[in-house]
Amino acid sequence: MQHHEDKLHRKNSIFSKVQDYIGEFIYGGIDGSVTTFAVVAGAAGAQLDSSVVIILGFANLIADGFAMSVGSYLSTKSEIDNYNKHKNIEYWEVEHLPEKEKEEVREIYAAKGFEGELLDQVVAKITENKDRWVDVMMKEELELQEESKSPFQMGLVTFISFLLMGFIPLLVYVIDYAGSGLAIDLFLYSSVLTFITFAGIGFAKSYVTATSRLRGVFETLFLGGSAAILAYYVGVFLEKII
């Protein structure tokens, strides 16, 4: 029975970690596709040549993708550093102010409804082991959970998803510039591909956030479309005055 519970706990832990990275991949993909398509839309509105669209698009992919990945890395690392800082403080307090910390444990569990002999037993059990004691104080007093995600991996996932999803609005322009000479409206086909991507990302996001699938799709379409429309008409305006 214990073996089965341990196995189930490991599976749940692995699933939770995978879900964390999937969530980061989705949000990185949203930013990549939205920002790159906004660049494409702005360039299309200004009637810029395909080569310029590609230059601006890839510059955005690399620069913004790297900036986002660094932001993700630093955000995750700061959470870990903050947790470790408070954990060290709790170890010091347990070591040097044990009676005060025991009283805090007592207050925490008294507030949960424990009383009398049972409360004494709970406090004694928790405080007999310093690691358990500190763990309880971190969760119950400070309401902090240990960060299990790797800062480097979070940054890498963000960068990869930004590049992959952000490349889609540029795809037809790259094919056209490579010599295929597509006899099509490049911006129209880029828009179609991008909005399909928006819909897919929105659907995936709703899975991670456990919200309505339809709502997730329409939210992403609306936000991405709004950014593109704004960028397009900024491009039109600038093309007329410059």
Protein backbone atom coordinates (compact mmCIF):
# COMPACT_ATOMS: atom_id res chain seq x y z
CA MET A 1 0.00 0.00 0.00
CA GLN A 2 2.81 2.40 0.95
CA HIS A 3 4.67 1.53 -2.27
CA HIS A 4 1.55 2.32 -4.32
CA GLU A 5 1.11 5.69 -2.54
CA ASP A 6 4.78 6.59 -3.11
CA LYS A 7 4.47 5.70 -6.79
CA LEU A 8 1.31 7.78 -7.12
CA HIS A 9 3.00 10.72 -5.38
CA ARG A 10 5.96 10.53 -7.80
CA LYS A 11 3.61 10.47 -10.79
CA ASN A 12 1.70 13.48 -9.49
CA SER A 13 4.98 15.32 -8.86
CA ILE A 14 6.23 14.61 -12.40
CA PHE A 15 2.88 15.68 -13.89
CA SER A 16 2.96 18.90 -11.87
CA LYS A 17 6.48 19.74 -13.10
CA VAL A 18 5.56 18.99 -16.73
CA GLN A 19 2.47 21.18 -16.38
CA ASP A 20 4.63 24.04 -15.08
CA TYR A 21 6.85 23.87 -18.16
CA ILE A 22 3.88 23.48 -20.50
CA GLY A 23 2.38 26.62 -18.99
CA GLU A 24 5.63 28.52 -19.54
CA PHE A 25 5.83 27.21 -23.13
CA ILE A 26 2.30 28.44 -23.81
CA TYR A 27 2.84 31.91 -22.38
CA GLY A 28 6.14 32.24 -24.21
CA GLY A 29 4.37 31.16 -27.39
CA ILE A 30 1.62 33.72 -26.90
CA ASP A 31 4.15 36.54 -26.53
CA GLY A 32 6.21 35.31 -29.46
CA SER A 33 3.33 35.02 -31.90
CA VAL A 34 1.60 38.25 -30.79
CA THR A 35 4.69 40.49 -30.81
CA THR A 36 6.10 39.13 -34.08
CA PHE A 37 2.75 39.36 -35.84
CA ALA A 38 2.42 42.93 -34.58
CA VAL A 39 5.77 43.69 -36.25
CA VAL A 40 4.59 42.02 -39.47
CA ALA A 41 1.28 43.91 -39.36
CA GLY A 42 3.02 47.23 -38.79
CA ALA A 43 5.39 46.57 -41.67
CA ALA A 44 2.49 45.54 -43.91
CA GLY A 45 0.60 48.69 -43.01
CA ALA A 46 3.66 50.73 -43.99
CA GLN A 47 3.93 48.70 -47.22
CA LEU A 48 7.50 47.67 -46.51
CA ASP A 49 9.33 45.16 -48.66
CA SER A 50 9.44 41.47 -47.65
CA SER A 51 13.15 41.71 -46.86
CA VAL A 52 12.45 44.50 -44.36
CA VAL A 53 9.62 42.49 -42.79
CA ILE A 54 11.98 39.54 -42.35
CA ILE A 55 14.73 41.71 -40.83
CA LEU A 56 12.36 43.38 -38.39
CA GLY A 57 10.64 40.10 -37.59
CA PHE A 58 13.80 38.16 -36.83
CA ALA A 59 15.28 41.06 -34.87
CA ASN A 60 12.13 40.97 -32.73
CA LEU A 61 12.32 37.18 -32.39
CA ILE A 62 15.88 37.14 -31.12
CA ALA A 63 15.85 40.31 -29.01
CA ASP A 64 12.41 39.94 -27.41
CA GLY A 65 12.76 36.17 -27.09
CA PHE A 66 16.06 36.54 -25.25
CA ALA A 67 14.69 39.33 -23.05
CA MET A 68 11.67 37.19 -22.13
CA SER A 69 13.82 34.17 -21.36
CA VAL A 70 16.08 36.26 -19.13
CA GLY A 71 13.00 37.65 -17.38
CA SER A 72 11.66 34.14 -16.82
CA TYR A 73 15.05 32.97 -15.51
CA LEU A 74 15.41 35.90 -13.11
CA SER A 75 11.80 35.62 -11.91
CA THR A 76 12.16 31.93 -11.06
CA LYS A 77 15.59 32.47 -9.50
CA SER A 78 14.32 35.32 -7.33
CA GLU A 79 11.52 33.11 -6.00
CA ILE A 80 14.07 30.44 -5.08
CA ASP A 81 16.40 33.00 -3.47
CA ASN A 82 13.52 34.53 -1.51
CA TYR A 83 12.43 31.11 -0.25
CA ASN A 84 15.96 30.15 0.80
CA LYS A 85 16.49 33.49 2.56
CA HIS A 86 13.38 33.05 4.71
CA LYS A 87 14.20 29.39 5.28
CA ASN A 88 17.61 30.33 6.70
CA ILE A 89 15.93 32.89 8.95
CA GLU A 90 13.50 30.24 10.23
CA TYR A 91 16.37 27.83 10.97
CA TRP A 92 18.12 30.58 12.94
CA GLU A 93 14.93 31.33 14.92
CA VAL A 94 14.34 27.63 15.64
CA GLU A 95 17.92 27.35 16.85
CA HIS A 96 18.05 30.54 18.94
CA LEU A 97 14.42 31.28 19.81
CA PRO A 98 12.87 27.82 20.21
CA GLU A 99 10.23 28.76 22.80
CA LYS A 100 8.95 31.66 20.72
CA GLU A 101 8.79 29.44 17.62
CA LYS A 102 6.99 26.67 19.56
CA GLU A 103 4.40 29.19 20.65
CA GLU A 104 3.91 30.22 17.05
CA VAL A 105 3.34 26.59 16.06
CA ARG A 106 0.85 26.27 18.90
CA GLU A 107 -1.02 29.40 17.74
CA ILE A 108 -1.13 28.15 14.14
CA TYR A 109 -2.69 24.80 15.06
CA ALA A 110 -4.94 26.24 17.74
CA ALA A 111 -6.40 28.44 15.01
CA LYS A 112 -7.06 25.27 13.00
CA GLY A 113 -9.18 23.85 15.85
CA PHE A 114 -6.64 21.72 17.74
CA GLU A 115 -6.81 22.02 21.51
CA GLY A 116 -5.85 20.38 24.80
CA GLU A 117 -3.72 17.25 24.78
CA LEU A 118 -4.05 16.79 21.05
CA LEU A 119 -2.61 20.26 20.45
CA ASP A 120 0.30 19.48 22.80
CA GLN A 121 1.01 16.26 20.88
CA VAL A 122 0.91 18.03 17.50
CA VAL A 123 3.30 20.76 18.69
CA ALA A 124 5.65 18.20 20.25
CA LYS A 125 5.69 16.06 17.10
CA ILE A 126 6.37 18.98 14.79
CA THR A 127 9.10 20.53 16.93
CA GLU A 128 10.98 17.30 17.61
CA ASN A 129 12.57 17.58 14.13
CA LYS A 130 14.09 20.87 12.99
CA ASP A 131 13.59 20.20 9.28
CA ARG A 132 9.91 19.36 9.81
CA TRP A 133 9.57 22.33 12.14
CA VAL A 134 11.02 24.79 9.61
CA ASP A 135 8.96 23.26 6.80
CA VAL A 136 5.76 23.85 8.78
CA MET A 137 6.74 27.44 9.56
CA MET A 138 7.50 28.13 5.89
CA LYS A 139 4.14 26.80 4.75
CA GLU A 140 1.87 27.79 7.60
CA GLU A 141 3.37 31.04 8.91
CA LEU A 142 4.99 32.55 5.81
CA GLU A 143 2.76 30.77 3.25
CA LEU A 144 5.76 30.04 1.03
CA GLN A 145 6.16 26.94 -1.12
CA GLU A 146 9.55 25.68 -2.27
CA GLU A 147 10.12 26.39 -5.96
CA SER A 148 10.85 23.16 -7.82
CA LYS A 149 11.33 24.65 -11.29
CA SER A 150 14.81 25.16 -12.70
CA PRO A 151 15.48 28.84 -13.59
CA PHE A 152 17.63 27.81 -16.57
CA GLN A 153 15.06 25.37 -17.89
CA MET A 154 12.26 27.92 -17.49
CA GLY A 155 14.27 30.48 -19.43
CA LEU A 156 15.13 27.94 -22.12
CA VAL A 157 11.51 26.81 -22.52
CA THR A 158 10.41 30.44 -22.85
CA PHE A 159 13.06 31.18 -25.49
CA ILE A 160 12.28 28.07 -27.55
CA SER A 161 8.52 28.63 -27.48
CA PHE A 162 8.95 32.31 -28.36
CA LEU A 163 11.08 31.39 -31.38
CA LEU A 164 8.83 28.57 -32.60
CA MET A 165 5.51 30.38 -32.29
CA GLY A 166 6.98 33.74 -33.27
CA PHE A 167 8.38 32.32 -36.51
CA ILE A 168 4.93 31.39 -37.83
CA PRO A 169 3.91 34.95 -38.87
CA LEU A 170 7.19 35.19 -40.82
CA LEU A 171 6.92 31.81 -42.54
CA VAL A 172 5.30 32.91 -45.81
CA TYR A 173 7.64 35.91 -46.07
CA VAL A 174 10.69 33.66 -45.68
CA ILE A 175 9.37 31.20 -48.30
CA ASP A 176 8.65 34.07 -50.69
CA TYR A 177 12.06 35.68 -50.14
CA ALA A 178 13.85 32.33 -50.54
CA GLY A 179 12.89 32.38 -54.21
CA SER A 180 9.54 30.65 -54.38
CA GLY A 181 7.90 33.90 -55.51
CA LEU A 182 4.52 33.16 -53.99
CA ALA A 183 1.75 34.78 -56.06
CA ILE A 184 -0.35 35.46 -52.98
CA ASP A 185 -1.15 38.22 -50.54
CA LEU A 186 1.65 37.51 -48.06
CA PHE A 187 0.10 39.45 -45.21
CA LEU A 188 -3.25 37.72 -45.66
CA TYR A 189 -1.71 34.25 -45.52
CA SER A 190 0.51 35.26 -42.62
CA SER A 191 -2.62 36.47 -40.81
CA VAL A 192 -4.45 33.19 -41.43
CA LEU A 193 -1.54 31.08 -40.16
CA THR A 194 -1.06 33.34 -37.15
CA PHE A 195 -4.72 33.33 -36.16
CA ILE A 196 -4.77 29.53 -36.38
CA THR A 197 -1.76 29.61 -34.04
CA PHE A 198 -3.56 32.04 -31.72
CA ALA A 199 -6.54 29.70 -31.57
CA GLY A 200 -4.34 26.68 -30.82
CA ILE A 201 -2.40 28.50 -28.12
CA GLY A 202 -5.62 29.80 -26.58
CA PHE A 203 -7.02 26.28 -26.47
CA ALA A 204 -3.85 24.96 -24.83
CA LYS A 205 -3.84 27.85 -22.33
CA SER A 206 -7.38 27.04 -21.26
CA TYR A 207 -6.25 23.48 -20.52
CA VAL A 208 -3.43 24.68 -18.25
CA THR A 209 -5.61 27.25 -16.46
CA ALA A 210 -8.62 24.89 -16.34
CA THR A 211 -10.95 27.50 -17.87
CA SER A 212 -13.44 27.46 -20.73
CA ARG A 213 -11.86 26.26 -23.99
CA LEU A 214 -13.96 28.67 -26.06
CA ARG A 215 -13.09 31.57 -23.79
CA GLY A 216 -9.38 30.75 -23.97
CA VAL A 217 -9.47 30.71 -27.77
CA PHE A 218 -11.40 33.98 -28.10
CA GLU A 219 -9.29 35.79 -25.49
CA THR A 220 -6.08 34.96 -27.34
CA LEU A 221 -7.61 35.81 -30.73
CA PHE A 222 -8.89 39.13 -29.39
CA LEU A 223 -5.61 40.15 -27.76
CA GLY A 224 -3.48 39.07 -30.72
CA GLY A 225 -5.86 40.64 -33.22
CA SER A 226 -6.01 43.90 -31.27
CA ALA A 227 -2.22 44.18 -31.19
CA ALA A 228 -2.02 43.44 -34.92
CA ILE A 229 -4.72 45.96 -35.88
CA LEU A 230 -3.10 48.67 -33.77
CA ALA A 231 0.33 47.97 -35.27
CA TYR A 232 -1.07 47.84 -38.81
CA TYR A 233 -2.70 51.26 -38.60
CA VAL A 234 0.35 52.76 -36.91
CA GLY A 235 2.29 51.51 -39.93
CA VAL A 236 -0.27 53.03 -42.30
CA PHE A 237 -0.12 56.36 -40.48
CA LEU A 238 3.68 56.49 -40.41
CA GLU A 239 3.93 55.50 -44.09
CA LYS A 240 1.78 58.51 -45.00
CA ILE A 241 3.67 61.09 -42.96
CA ILE A 242 7.24 59.91 -43.48
